[in-house]
Amino acid sequence: MDPKIREQILLIRDTGLTNMFDLPMVQRLAYERGYFELVLYLEDHRDEYAHFILHGDAR
């Protein structure tokens, strides 16, 4: 996982606005904040994203 993606995930998490497993909402919040890399990442890397959310590390 790219460090920029990791940072964007953590920034979304820190807002407290959504459950991080609500991927459509995570993507919406990312889009609204200009985190387009994260929006695209979530389309193709859902398993890696879920692993990061559950375990706190990237594969």
Protein backbone atom coordinates (compact mmCIF):
# COMPACT_ATOMS: atom_id res chain seq x y z
CA MET A 1 0.00 0.00 0.00
CA ASP A 2 1.31 3.39 -1.02
CA PRO A 3 2.05 5.71 1.93
CA LYS A 4 -0.26 8.35 0.43
CA ILE A 5 -3.17 5.86 0.36
CA ARG A 6 -2.46 4.87 3.96
CA GLU A 7 -2.47 8.52 5.01
CA GLN A 8 -5.76 9.18 3.21
CA ILE A 9 -7.40 6.16 4.86
CA LEU A 10 -6.30 7.39 8.28
CA LEU A 11 -7.54 10.90 7.56
CA ILE A 12 -10.98 9.57 6.63
CA ARG A 13 -11.00 7.35 9.73
CA ASP A 14 -10.08 10.26 11.96
CA THR A 15 -13.15 12.22 10.83
CA GLY A 16 -15.38 9.69 12.60
CA LEU A 17 -18.05 10.27 9.96
CA THR A 18 -18.43 6.66 8.81
CA ASN A 19 -17.89 3.03 9.56
CA MET A 20 -14.72 2.23 7.65
CA PHE A 21 -16.36 -0.89 6.20
CA ASP A 22 -19.04 1.24 4.52
CA LEU A 23 -16.96 1.48 1.36
CA PRO A 24 -19.38 3.62 -0.68
CA MET A 25 -19.36 6.21 2.10
CA VAL A 26 -15.58 6.01 2.49
CA GLN A 27 -15.28 6.62 -1.25
CA ARG A 28 -17.73 9.51 -1.08
CA LEU A 29 -15.85 11.17 1.78
CA ALA A 30 -12.56 10.61 -0.05
CA TYR A 31 -13.96 12.12 -3.24
CA GLU A 32 -15.32 15.15 -1.38
CA ARG A 33 -11.87 15.74 0.11
CA GLY A 34 -10.01 15.30 -3.19
CA TYR A 35 -8.47 11.95 -2.21
CA PHE A 36 -8.92 10.56 -5.72
CA GLU A 37 -6.11 8.04 -5.27
CA LEU A 38 -8.07 6.44 -2.44
CA VAL A 39 -11.30 6.43 -4.44
CA LEU A 40 -9.55 4.48 -7.22
CA TYR A 41 -7.62 2.26 -4.81
CA LEU A 42 -10.84 1.04 -3.20
CA GLU A 43 -12.18 -0.09 -6.57
CA ASP A 44 -9.38 -2.63 -7.08
CA HIS A 45 -7.91 -3.39 -3.64
CA ARG A 46 -10.82 -4.11 -1.31
CA ASP A 47 -9.15 -7.15 0.27
CA GLU A 48 -5.96 -5.24 1.05
CA TYR A 49 -8.01 -2.34 2.40
CA ALA A 50 -10.04 -4.63 4.69
CA HIS A 51 -6.83 -6.25 5.95
CA PHE A 52 -5.42 -2.81 6.77
CA ILE A 53 -8.59 -1.76 8.61
CA LEU A 54 -8.69 -5.00 10.62
CA HIS A 55 -5.00 -5.44 11.36
CA GLY A 56 -3.41 -2.00 10.95
CA ASP A 57 -0.78 -3.14 8.51
CA ALA A 58 -0.52 -3.45 4.76
CA ARG A 59 0.06 -6.72 3.00
